[in-house]
PDB file of N, CA and C in Angstrom:
ATOM      1  N   MET A   1       0.820  -1.183   0.000  1.00  0.00           N
ATOM      2  CA  MET A   1       0.000   0.000   0.000  1.00  0.00           C
ATOM      3  C   MET A   1       0.870   1.255   0.000  1.00  0.00           C
ATOM      4  N   GLU A   2       1.855   1.290   0.861  1.00  0.00           N
ATOM      5  CA  GLU A   2       2.675   2.490   1.001  1.00  0.00           C
ATOM      6  C   GLU A   2       3.415   2.832  -0.289  1.00  0.00           C
ATOM      7  N   ASP A   3       3.707   1.834  -1.105  1.00  0.00           N
ATOM      8  CA  ASP A   3       4.419   2.074  -2.357  1.00  0.00           C
ATOM      9  C   ASP A   3       3.510   2.580  -3.469  1.00  0.00           C
ATOM     10  N   HIS A   4       2.198   2.519  -3.249  1.00  0.00           N
ATOM     11  CA  HIS A   4       1.258   2.865  -4.318  1.00  0.00           C
ATOM     12  C   HIS A   4       0.093   3.702  -3.792  1.00  0.00           C
ATOM     13  N   MET A   5       0.402   4.745  -3.056  1.00  0.00           N
ATOM     14  CA  MET A   5      -0.632   5.577  -2.454  1.00  0.00           C
ATOM     15  C   MET A   5      -1.538   6.211  -3.505  1.00  0.00           C
ATOM     16  N   GLU A   6      -0.979   6.612  -4.645  1.00  0.00           N
ATOM     17  CA  GLU A   6      -1.802   7.241  -5.676  1.00  0.00           C
ATOM     18  C   GLU A   6      -2.839   6.257  -6.218  1.00  0.00           C
ATOM     19  N   THR A   7      -2.486   4.993  -6.272  1.00  0.00           N
ATOM     20  CA  THR A   7      -3.450   3.980  -6.707  1.00  0.00           C
ATOM     21  C   THR A   7      -4.494   3.748  -5.620  1.00  0.00           C
ATOM     22  N   MET A   8      -4.049   3.658  -4.372  1.00  0.00           N
ATOM     23  CA  MET A   8      -4.993   3.485  -3.259  1.00  0.00           C
ATOM     24  C   MET A   8      -6.029   4.606  -3.248  1.00  0.00           C
ATOM     25  N   ASP A   9      -5.605   5.810  -3.571  1.00  0.00           N
ATOM     26  CA  ASP A   9      -6.521   6.944  -3.538  1.00  0.00           C
ATOM     27  C   ASP A   9      -7.592   6.875  -4.620  1.00  0.00           C
ATOM     28  N   LEU A  10      -7.403   6.030  -5.623  1.00  0.00           N
ATOM     29  CA  LEU A  10      -8.425   5.835  -6.655  1.00  0.00           C
ATOM     30  C   LEU A  10      -9.536   4.901  -6.190  1.00  0.00           C
ATOM     31  N   PHE A  11      -9.284   4.145  -5.116  1.00  0.00           N
ATOM     32  CA  PHE A  11     -10.215   3.109  -4.687  1.00  0.00           C
ATOM     33  C   PHE A  11     -10.508   3.203  -3.197  1.00  0.00           C
ATOM     34  N   HIS A  12     -11.025   4.336  -2.769  1.00  0.00           N
ATOM     35  CA  HIS A  12     -11.379   4.516  -1.361  1.00  0.00           C
ATOM     36  C   HIS A  12     -12.574   3.644  -0.993  1.00  0.00           C
ATOM     37  N   THR A  13     -12.598   3.230   0.257  1.00  0.00           N
ATOM     38  CA  THR A  13     -13.724   2.498   0.823  1.00  0.00           C
ATOM     39  C   THR A  13     -14.329   3.390   1.887  1.00  0.00           C
ATOM     40  N   ASP A  14     -15.569   3.754   1.709  1.00  0.00           N
ATOM     41  CA  ASP A  14     -16.249   4.656   2.646  1.00  0.00           C
ATOM     42  C   ASP A  14     -15.454   5.943   2.871  1.00  0.00           C
ATOM     43  N   GLY A  15     -14.835   6.436   1.828  1.00  0.00           N
ATOM     44  CA  GLY A  15     -14.126   7.705   1.922  1.00  0.00           C
ATOM     45  C   GLY A  15     -12.694   7.624   2.420  1.00  0.00           C
ATOM     46  N   GLY A  16     -12.196   6.422   2.684  1.00  0.00           N
ATOM     47  CA  GLY A  16     -10.826   6.295   3.180  1.00  0.00           C
ATOM     48  C   GLY A  16     -10.119   5.075   2.624  1.00  0.00           C
ATOM     49  N   ARG A  17      -8.867   4.995   2.904  1.00  0.00           N
ATOM     50  CA  ARG A  17      -8.077   3.843   2.471  1.00  0.00           C
ATOM     51  C   ARG A  17      -8.382   2.653   3.369  1.00  0.00           C
ATOM     52  N   ALA A  18      -8.624   1.525   2.765  1.00  0.00           N
ATOM     53  CA  ALA A  18      -8.938   0.323   3.534  1.00  0.00           C
ATOM     54  C   ALA A  18      -8.211  -0.871   2.945  1.00  0.00           C
ATOM     55  N   GLN A  19      -7.893  -1.793   3.806  1.00  0.00           N
ATOM     56  CA  GLN A  19      -7.321  -3.057   3.371  1.00  0.00           C
ATOM     57  C   GLN A  19      -8.076  -4.165   4.056  1.00  0.00           C
ATOM     58  N   PRO A  20      -8.287  -5.301   3.496  1.00  0.00           N
ATOM     59  CA  PRO A  20      -7.929  -5.608   2.111  1.00  0.00           C
ATOM     60  C   PRO A  20      -9.027  -5.158   1.169  1.00  0.00           C
ATOM     61  N   ILE A  21      -8.620  -4.665   0.052  1.00  0.00           N
ATOM     62  CA  ILE A  21      -9.554  -4.380  -1.032  1.00  0.00           C
ATOM     63  C   ILE A  21      -8.941  -5.017  -2.269  1.00  0.00           C
ATOM     64  N   ALA A  22      -9.786  -5.649  -3.045  1.00  0.00           N
ATOM     65  CA  ALA A  22      -9.315  -6.271  -4.280  1.00  0.00           C
ATOM     66  C   ALA A  22      -9.783  -5.414  -5.445  1.00  0.00           C
ATOM     67  N   VAL A  23      -8.868  -5.134  -6.346  1.00  0.00           N
ATOM     68  CA  VAL A  23      -9.182  -4.397  -7.566  1.00  0.00           C
ATOM     69  C   VAL A  23      -8.875  -5.339  -8.717  1.00  0.00           C
ATOM     70  N   PHE A  24      -9.858  -5.546  -9.578  1.00  0.00           N
ATOM     71  CA  PHE A  24      -9.715  -6.487 -10.687  1.00  0.00           C
ATOM     72  C   PHE A  24      -9.498  -5.706 -11.970  1.00  0.00           C
ATOM     73  N   LEU A  25      -8.331  -5.928 -12.562  1.00  0.00           N
ATOM     74  CA  LEU A  25      -7.911  -5.182 -13.745  1.00  0.00           C
ATOM     75  C   LEU A  25      -7.659  -6.110 -14.917  1.00  0.00           C
ATOM     76  N   HIS A  26      -7.859  -5.594 -16.121  1.00  0.00           N
ATOM     77  CA  HIS A  26      -7.454  -6.305 -17.327  1.00  0.00           C
ATOM     78  C   HIS A  26      -5.932  -6.268 -17.369  1.00  0.00           C
ATOM     79  N   ALA A  27      -5.312  -7.409 -17.581  1.00  0.00           N
ATOM     80  CA  ALA A  27      -3.853  -7.520 -17.487  1.00  0.00           C
ATOM     81  C   ALA A  27      -3.118  -6.608 -18.456  1.00  0.00           C
ATOM     82  N   SER A  28      -3.609  -6.434 -19.669  1.00  0.00           N
ATOM     83  CA  SER A  28      -2.844  -5.636 -20.626  1.00  0.00           C
ATOM     84  C   SER A  28      -3.329  -4.197 -20.756  1.00  0.00           C
ATOM     85  N   THR A  29      -4.622  -3.941 -20.533  1.00  0.00           N
ATOM     86  CA  THR A  29      -5.125  -2.578 -20.722  1.00  0.00           C
ATOM     87  C   THR A  29      -5.232  -1.782 -19.434  1.00  0.00           C
ATOM     88  N   GLY A  30      -5.282  -2.476 -18.302  1.00  0.00           N
ATOM     89  CA  GLY A  30      -5.452  -1.793 -17.027  1.00  0.00           C
ATOM     90  C   GLY A  30      -6.889  -1.393 -16.750  1.00  0.00           C
ATOM     91  N   GLU A  31      -7.813  -1.782 -17.642  1.00  0.00           N
ATOM     92  CA  GLU A  31      -9.231  -1.488 -17.431  1.00  0.00           C
ATOM     93  C   GLU A  31      -9.689  -2.112 -16.113  1.00  0.00           C
ATOM     94  N   VAL A  32     -10.418  -1.337 -15.324  1.00  0.00           N
ATOM     95  CA  VAL A  32     -10.925  -1.829 -14.048  1.00  0.00           C
ATOM     96  C   VAL A  32     -12.245  -2.563 -14.299  1.00  0.00           C
ATOM     97  N   PHE A  33     -12.257  -3.854 -13.983  1.00  0.00           N
ATOM     98  CA  PHE A  33     -13.487  -4.636 -14.095  1.00  0.00           C
ATOM     99  C   PHE A  33     -14.369  -4.428 -12.882  1.00  0.00           C
ATOM    100  N   GLY A  34     -13.764  -4.246 -11.721  1.00  0.00           N
ATOM    101  CA  GLY A  34     -14.527  -4.051 -10.510  1.00  0.00           C
ATOM    102  C   GLY A  34     -13.650  -4.136  -9.291  1.00  0.00           C
ATOM    103  N   THR A  35     -14.289  -4.011  -8.133  1.00  0.00           N
ATOM    104  CA  THR A  35     -13.579  -4.087  -6.860  1.00  0.00           C
ATOM    105  C   THR A  35     -14.365  -4.957  -5.899  1.00  0.00           C
ATOM    106  N   TRP A  36     -13.721  -5.353  -4.854  1.00  0.00           N
ATOM    107  CA  TRP A  36     -14.372  -6.041  -3.744  1.00  0.00           C
ATOM    108  C   TRP A  36     -13.682  -5.594  -2.467  1.00  0.00           C
ATOM    109  N   GLY A  37     -14.468  -5.421  -1.427  1.00  0.00           N
ATOM    110  CA  GLY A  37     -13.884  -5.167  -0.122  1.00  0.00           C
ATOM    111  C   GLY A  37     -14.398  -3.886   0.485  1.00  0.00           C
ATOM    112  N   ALA A  38     -14.039  -3.648   1.619  1.00  0.00           N
ATOM    113  CA  ALA A  38     -12.973  -4.257   2.392  1.00  0.00           C
ATOM    114  C   ALA A  38     -13.489  -5.343   3.342  1.00  0.00           C
ATOM    115  N   ARG A  39     -14.802  -5.531   3.382  1.00  0.00           N
ATOM    116  CA  ARG A  39     -15.378  -6.549   4.263  1.00  0.00           C
ATOM    117  C   ARG A  39     -16.462  -7.300   3.501  1.00  0.00           C
ATOM    118  N   PRO A  40     -16.763  -8.532   3.951  1.00  0.00           N
ATOM    119  CA  PRO A  40     -17.942  -9.207   3.398  1.00  0.00           C
ATOM    120  C   PRO A  40     -19.181  -8.349   3.655  1.00  0.00           C
ATOM    121  N   ALA A  41     -20.151  -8.411   2.768  1.00  0.00           N
ATOM    122  CA  ALA A  41     -21.314  -7.516   2.820  1.00  0.00           C
ATOM    123  C   ALA A  41     -22.041  -7.559   4.165  1.00  0.00           C
ATOM    124  N   TYR A  42     -22.226  -8.744   4.737  1.00  0.00           N
ATOM    125  CA  TYR A  42     -22.984  -8.812   5.995  1.00  0.00           C
ATOM    126  C   TYR A  42     -22.232  -8.167   7.147  1.00  0.00           C
ATOM    127  N   ILE A  43     -20.926  -8.118   7.064  1.00  0.00           N
ATOM    128  CA  ILE A  43     -20.137  -7.423   8.084  1.00  0.00           C
ATOM    129  C   ILE A  43     -20.096  -5.928   7.780  1.00  0.00           C
ATOM    130  N   GLN A  44     -19.959  -5.581   6.519  1.00  0.00           N
ATOM    131  CA  GLN A  44     -19.968  -4.170   6.128  1.00  0.00           C
ATOM    132  C   GLN A  44     -21.290  -3.515   6.496  1.00  0.00           C
ATOM    133  N   ASN A  45     -22.374  -4.282   6.457  1.00  0.00           N
ATOM    134  CA  ASN A  45     -23.689  -3.735   6.820  1.00  0.00           C
ATOM    135  C   ASN A  45     -23.700  -3.180   8.240  1.00  0.00           C
ATOM    136  N   VAL A  46     -22.931  -3.779   9.140  1.00  0.00           N
ATOM    137  CA  VAL A  46     -22.847  -3.296  10.522  1.00  0.00           C
ATOM    138  C   VAL A  46     -22.257  -1.884  10.538  1.00  0.00           C
ATOM    139  N   MET A  47     -21.186  -1.684   9.781  1.00  0.00           N
ATOM    140  CA  MET A  47     -20.561  -0.357   9.718  1.00  0.00           C
ATOM    141  C   MET A  47     -21.475   0.635   9.001  1.00  0.00           C
ATOM    142  N   ASP A  48     -22.123   0.202   7.926  1.00  0.00           N
ATOM    143  CA  ASP A  48     -23.034   1.091   7.195  1.00  0.00           C
ATOM    144  C   ASP A  48     -24.170   1.569   8.098  1.00  0.00           C
ATOM    145  N   GLU A  49     -24.708   0.662   8.898  1.00  0.00           N
ATOM    146  CA  GLU A  49     -25.787   1.034   9.814  1.00  0.00           C
ATOM    147  C   GLU A  49     -25.289   2.043  10.849  1.00  0.00           C
ATOM    148  N   PHE A  50     -24.090   1.805  11.376  1.00  0.00           N
ATOM    149  CA  PHE A  50     -23.512   2.772  12.321  1.00  0.00           C
ATOM    150  C   PHE A  50     -23.414   4.149  11.674  1.00  0.00           C
ATOM    151  N   LYS A  51     -22.898   4.207  10.463  1.00  0.00           N
ATOM    152  CA  LYS A  51     -22.705   5.496   9.799  1.00  0.00           C
ATOM    153  C   LYS A  51     -24.034   6.203   9.527  1.00  0.00           C
ATOM    154  N   ARG A  52     -25.072   5.421   9.237  1.00  0.00           N
ATOM    155  CA  ARG A  52     -26.397   6.029   9.052  1.00  0.00           C
ATOM    156  C   ARG A  52     -26.925   6.595  10.370  1.00  0.00           C
ATOM    157  N   ASN A  53     -26.709   5.867  11.456  1.00  0.00           N
ATOM    158  CA  ASN A  53     -27.252   6.267  12.751  1.00  0.00           C
ATOM    159  C   ASN A  53     -26.423   7.318  13.475  1.00  0.00           C
ATOM    160  N   TYR A  54     -25.143   7.412  13.153  1.00  0.00           N
ATOM    161  CA  TYR A  54     -24.237   8.341  13.853  1.00  0.00           C
ATOM    162  C   TYR A  54     -23.379   9.119  12.844  1.00  0.00           C
ATOM    163  N   PRO A  55     -24.004   9.972  12.049  1.00  0.00           N
ATOM    164  CA  PRO A  55     -23.243  10.707  11.040  1.00  0.00           C
ATOM    165  C   PRO A  55     -22.362  11.816  11.618  1.00  0.00           C
ATOM    166  N   ASP A  56     -22.685  12.282  12.825  1.00  0.00           N
ATOM    167  CA  ASP A  56     -21.960  13.404  13.432  1.00  0.00           C
ATOM    168  C   ASP A  56     -20.816  12.883  14.293  1.00  0.00           C
ATOM    169  N   LYS A  57     -19.605  13.019  13.787  1.00  0.00           N
ATOM    170  CA  LYS A  57     -18.424  12.519  14.513  1.00  0.00           C
ATOM    171  C   LYS A  57     -18.159  13.302  15.799  1.00  0.00           C
ATOM    172  N   GLN A  58     -18.789  14.443  15.945  1.00  0.00           N
ATOM    173  CA  GLN A  58     -18.602  15.261  17.149  1.00  0.00           C
ATOM    174  C   GLN A  58     -19.630  14.943  18.237  1.00  0.00           C
ATOM    175  N   ALA A  59     -20.613  14.118  17.920  1.00  0.00           N
ATOM    176  CA  ALA A  59     -21.663  13.790  18.892  1.00  0.00           C
ATOM    177  C   ALA A  59     -21.073  13.053  20.087  1.00  0.00           C
ATOM    178  N   SER A  60     -21.672  13.250  21.252  1.00  0.00           N
ATOM    179  CA  SER A  60     -21.129  12.668  22.480  1.00  0.00           C
ATOM    180  C   SER A  60     -21.113  11.139  22.459  1.00  0.00           C
ATOM    181  N   ALA A  61     -22.075  10.524  21.816  1.00  0.00           N
ATOM    182  CA  ALA A  61     -22.160   9.055  21.795  1.00  0.00           C
ATOM    183  C   ALA A  61     -21.367   8.433  20.656  1.00  0.00           C
ATOM    184  N   TYR A  62     -20.803   9.255  19.786  1.00  0.00           N
ATOM    185  CA  TYR A  62     -20.153   8.733  18.573  1.00  0.00           C
ATOM    186  C   TYR A  62     -19.066   7.706  18.888  1.00  0.00           C
ATOM    187  N   GLN A  63     -18.084   8.073  19.689  1.00  0.00           N
ATOM    188  CA  GLN A  63     -16.946   7.183  19.934  1.00  0.00           C
ATOM    189  C   GLN A  63     -17.373   5.903  20.631  1.00  0.00           C
ATOM    190  N   GLU A  64     -18.257   6.002  21.596  1.00  0.00           N
ATOM    191  CA  GLU A  64     -18.736   4.812  22.295  1.00  0.00           C
ATOM    192  C   GLU A  64     -19.452   3.871  21.322  1.00  0.00           C
ATOM    193  N   GLN A  65     -20.277   4.429  20.459  1.00  0.00           N
ATOM    194  CA  GLN A  65     -20.999   3.605  19.490  1.00  0.00           C
ATOM    195  C   GLN A  65     -20.061   3.033  18.436  1.00  0.00           C
ATOM    196  N   LEU A  66     -19.043   3.796  18.053  1.00  0.00           N
ATOM    197  CA  LEU A  66     -18.048   3.289  17.106  1.00  0.00           C
ATOM    198  C   LEU A  66     -17.301   2.114  17.713  1.00  0.00           C
ATOM    199  N   ASP A  67     -16.919   2.247  18.977  1.00  0.00           N
ATOM    200  CA  ASP A  67     -16.245   1.141  19.671  1.00  0.00           C
ATOM    201  C   ASP A  67     -17.128  -0.097  19.701  1.00  0.00           C
ATOM    202  N   GLN A  68     -18.421   0.084  19.974  1.00  0.00           N
ATOM    203  CA  GLN A  68     -19.357  -1.042  19.984  1.00  0.00           C
ATOM    204  C   GLN A  68     -19.498  -1.661  18.594  1.00  0.00           C
ATOM    205  N   THR A  69     -19.470  -0.815  17.585  1.00  0.00           N
ATOM    206  CA  THR A  69     -19.564  -1.302  16.211  1.00  0.00           C
ATOM    207  C   THR A  69     -18.350  -2.159  15.867  1.00  0.00           C
ATOM    208  N   TYR A  70     -17.155  -1.684  16.212  1.00  0.00           N
ATOM    209  CA  TYR A  70     -15.947  -2.469  15.954  1.00  0.00           C
ATOM    210  C   TYR A  70     -15.956  -3.770  16.760  1.00  0.00           C
ATOM    211  N   LYS A  71     -16.502  -3.725  17.959  1.00  0.00           N
ATOM    212  CA  LYS A  71     -16.616  -4.940  18.764  1.00  0.00           C
ATOM    213  C   LYS A  71     -17.514  -5.949  18.059  1.00  0.00           C
ATOM    214  N   LYS A  72     -18.657  -5.485  17.557  1.00  0.00           N
ATOM    215  CA  LYS A  72     -19.590  -6.355  16.843  1.00  0.00           C
ATOM    216  C   LYS A  72     -18.939  -6.925  15.582  1.00  0.00           C
ATOM    217  N   ILE A  73     -18.225  -6.086  14.852  1.00  0.00           N
ATOM    218  CA  ILE A  73     -17.528  -6.549  13.650  1.00  0.00           C
ATOM    219  C   ILE A  73     -16.504  -7.616  14.021  1.00  0.00           C
ATOM    220  N   GLY A  74     -15.761  -7.386  15.082  1.00  0.00           N
ATOM    221  CA  GLY A  74     -14.790  -8.373  15.551  1.00  0.00           C
ATOM    222  C   GLY A  74     -15.450  -9.698  15.904  1.00  0.00           C
ATOM    223  N   GLU A  75     -16.603  -9.622  16.553  1.00  0.00           N
ATOM    224  CA  GLU A  75     -17.332 -10.840  16.908  1.00  0.00           C
ATOM    225  C   GLU A  75     -17.754 -11.602  15.653  1.00  0.00           C
ATOM    226  N   LEU A  76     -18.186 -10.874  14.637  1.00  0.00           N
ATOM    227  CA  LEU A  76     -18.588 -11.534  13.394  1.00  0.00           C
ATOM    228  C   LEU A  76     -17.401 -12.216  12.724  1.00  0.00           C
ATOM    229  N   TYR A  77     -16.242 -11.579  12.764  1.00  0.00           N
ATOM    230  CA  TYR A  77     -15.042 -12.190  12.177  1.00  0.00           C
ATOM    231  C   TYR A  77     -14.600 -13.428  12.966  1.00  0.00           C
ATOM    232  N   HIS A  78     -14.845 -13.434  14.251  1.00  0.00           N
ATOM    233  CA  HIS A  78     -14.388 -14.547  15.088  1.00  0.00           C
ATOM    234  C   HIS A  78     -15.449 -15.626  15.292  1.00  0.00           C
ATOM    235  N   ASP A  79     -16.570 -15.497  14.597  1.00  0.00           N
ATOM    236  CA  ASP A  79     -17.660 -16.460  14.702  1.00  0.00           C
ATOM    237  C   ASP A  79     -17.418 -17.590  13.701  1.00  0.00           C
ATOM    238  N   GLY A  80     -16.498 -18.488  14.042  1.00  0.00           N
ATOM    239  CA  GLY A  80     -16.167 -19.587  13.142  1.00  0.00           C
ATOM    240  C   GLY A  80     -15.458 -19.075  11.912  1.00  0.00           C
ATOM    241  N   ASN A  81     -15.713 -19.712  10.791  1.00  0.00           N
ATOM    242  CA  ASN A  81     -15.087 -19.269   9.543  1.00  0.00           C
ATOM    243  C   ASN A  81     -16.142 -18.848   8.522  1.00  0.00           C
ATOM    244  N   GLU A  82     -17.295 -18.420   9.007  1.00  0.00           N
ATOM    245  CA  GLU A  82     -18.389 -18.002   8.121  1.00  0.00           C
ATOM    246  C   GLU A  82     -17.958 -16.882   7.184  1.00  0.00           C
ATOM    247  N   TYR A  83     -17.225 -15.909   7.704  1.00  0.00           N
ATOM    248  CA  TYR A  83     -16.848 -14.774   6.859  1.00  0.00           C
ATOM    249  C   TYR A  83     -15.970 -15.217   5.697  1.00  0.00           C
ATOM    250  N   GLN A  84     -15.150 -16.251   5.907  1.00  0.00           N
ATOM    251  CA  GLN A  84     -14.309 -16.743   4.813  1.00  0.00           C
ATOM    252  C   GLN A  84     -15.165 -17.359   3.711  1.00  0.00           C
ATOM    253  N   LYS A  85     -16.171 -18.119   4.104  1.00  0.00           N
ATOM    254  CA  LYS A  85     -17.082 -18.708   3.120  1.00  0.00           C
ATOM    255  C   LYS A  85     -17.811 -17.618   2.339  1.00  0.00           C
ATOM    256  N   VAL A  86     -18.250 -16.605   3.060  1.00  0.00           N
ATOM    257  CA  VAL A  86     -18.975 -15.507   2.413  1.00  0.00           C
ATOM    258  C   VAL A  86     -18.055 -14.751   1.466  1.00  0.00           C
ATOM    259  N   MET A  87     -16.818 -14.508   1.882  1.00  0.00           N
ATOM    260  CA  MET A  87     -15.866 -13.817   1.011  1.00  0.00           C
ATOM    261  C   MET A  87     -15.671 -14.590  -0.287  1.00  0.00           C
ATOM    262  N   ILE A  88     -15.486 -15.884  -0.186  1.00  0.00           N
ATOM    263  CA  ILE A  88     -15.293 -16.715  -1.386  1.00  0.00           C
ATOM    264  C   ILE A  88     -16.526 -16.646  -2.275  1.00  0.00           C
ATOM    265  N   GLN A  89     -17.701 -16.743  -1.665  1.00  0.00           N
ATOM    266  CA  GLN A  89     -18.944 -16.663  -2.435  1.00  0.00           C
ATOM    267  C   GLN A  89     -19.057 -15.307  -3.132  1.00  0.00           C
ATOM    268  N   GLU A  90     -18.779 -14.229  -2.406  1.00  0.00           N
ATOM    269  CA  GLU A  90     -18.876 -12.888  -3.001  1.00  0.00           C
ATOM    270  C   GLU A  90     -17.863 -12.711  -4.128  1.00  0.00           C
ATOM    271  N   LEU A  91     -16.648 -13.217  -3.939  1.00  0.00           N
ATOM    272  CA  LEU A  91     -15.635 -13.106  -4.994  1.00  0.00           C
ATOM    273  C   LEU A  91     -16.030 -13.925  -6.223  1.00  0.00           C
ATOM    274  N   LYS A  92     -16.572 -15.108  -6.019  1.00  0.00           N
ATOM    275  CA  LYS A  92     -17.046 -15.916  -7.156  1.00  0.00           C
ATOM    276  C   LYS A  92     -18.131 -15.167  -7.926  1.00  0.00           C
ATOM    277  N   GLN A  93     -19.036 -14.533  -7.196  1.00  0.00           N
ATOM    278  CA  GLN A  93     -20.095 -13.757  -7.847  1.00  0.00           C
ATOM    279  C   GLN A  93     -19.510 -12.609  -8.661  1.00  0.00           C
ATOM    280  N   ARG A  94     -18.495 -11.944  -8.113  1.00  0.00           N
ATOM    281  CA  ARG A  94     -17.845 -10.856  -8.844  1.00  0.00           C
ATOM    282  C   ARG A  94     -17.205 -11.371 -10.125  1.00  0.00           C
ATOM    283  N   PHE A  95     -16.455 -12.476 -10.029  1.00  0.00           N
ATOM    284  CA  PHE A  95     -15.818 -13.045 -11.215  1.00  0.00           C
ATOM    285  C   PHE A  95     -16.852 -13.427 -12.265  1.00  0.00           C
ATOM    286  N   THR A  96     -17.929 -14.048 -11.823  1.00  0.00           N
ATOM    287  CA  THR A  96     -18.989 -14.447 -12.740  1.00  0.00           C
ATOM    288  C   THR A  96     -19.593 -13.224 -13.421  1.00  0.00           C
ATOM    289  N   SER A  97     -19.790 -12.155 -12.674  1.00  0.00           N
ATOM    290  CA  SER A  97     -20.366 -10.941 -13.268  1.00  0.00           C
ATOM    291  C   SER A  97     -19.418 -10.348 -14.305  1.00  0.00           C
ATOM    292  N   PHE A  98     -18.111 -10.427 -14.075  1.00  0.00           N
ATOM    293  CA  PHE A  98     -17.150  -9.919 -15.062  1.00  0.00           C
ATOM    294  C   PHE A  98     -17.290 -10.685 -16.367  1.00  0.00           C
ATOM    295  N   ILE A  99     -17.411 -11.996 -16.265  1.00  0.00           N
ATOM    296  CA  ILE A  99     -17.527 -12.840 -17.454  1.00  0.00           C
ATOM    297  C   ILE A  99     -18.814 -12.511 -18.195  1.00  0.00           C
ATOM    298  N   ARG A 100     -19.922 -12.417 -17.460  1.00  0.00           N
ATOM    299  CA  ARG A 100     -21.210 -12.090 -18.093  1.00  0.00           C
ATOM    300  C   ARG A 100     -21.152 -10.731 -18.782  1.00  0.00           C
ATOM    301  N   GLU A 101     -20.568  -9.739 -18.107  1.00  0.00           N
ATOM    302  CA  GLU A 101     -20.479  -8.398 -18.681  1.00  0.00           C
ATOM    303  C   GLU A 101     -19.626  -8.391 -19.937  1.00  0.00           C
ATOM    304  N   ARG A 102     -18.539  -9.137 -19.934  1.00  0.00           N
ATOM    305  CA  ARG A 102     -17.662  -9.189 -21.114  1.00  0.00           C
ATOM    306  C   ARG A 102     -18.367  -9.860 -22.273  1.00  0.00           C
ATOM    307  N   ILE A 103     -19.108 -10.925 -22.012  1.00  0.00           N
ATOM    308  CA  ILE A 103     -19.849 -11.624 -23.061  1.00  0.00           C
ATOM    309  C   ILE A 103     -20.923 -10.708 -23.622  1.00  0.00           C
ATOM    310  N   ALA A 104     -21.661 -10.042 -22.749  1.00  0.00           N
ATOM    311  CA  ALA A 104     -22.727  -9.129 -23.183  1.00  0.00           C
ATOM    312  C   ALA A 104     -22.143  -7.970 -23.997  1.00  0.00           C
ATOM    313  N   TYR A 105     -20.978  -7.481 -23.593  1.00  0.00           N
ATOM    314  CA  TYR A 105     -20.335  -6.357 -24.253  1.00  0.00           C
ATOM    315  C   TYR A 105     -19.919  -6.725 -25.680  1.00  0.00           C
ATOM    316  N   LYS A 106     -19.478  -7.962 -25.857  1.00  0.00           N
ATOM    317  CA  LYS A 106     -18.994  -8.413 -27.164  1.00  0.00           C
ATOM    318  C   LYS A 106     -20.134  -8.628 -28.150  1.00  0.00           C
ATOM    319  N   HIS A 107     -21.359  -8.777 -27.645  1.00  0.00           N
ATOM    320  CA  HIS A 107     -22.495  -9.057 -28.540  1.00  0.00           C
ATOM    321  C   HIS A 107     -23.269  -7.846 -28.813  1.00  0.00           C
TER     322      HIS A 107
END
């Protein structure tokens, strides 16, 4: 990441740099097919809900609720290996969509 900050800045997650994020590029043209990340959708939903409910970073409850949100996210990551299965499923769906889009584009 540190060696390619200008590239990272092209692919912000929720307005900031996040890892891991996958960027899928055409090998010879550099065309961006799509991205994935930085979290599986069901885990990202926890953060999205927090951001909807606590948009004001200066609010008194903001930091406490953010800490609770990160705790919940941590619990989801440590709940067996479900997130790994979901990540694989989401990545397969992304790859499949790239293939479908390329086929549709050619016709």
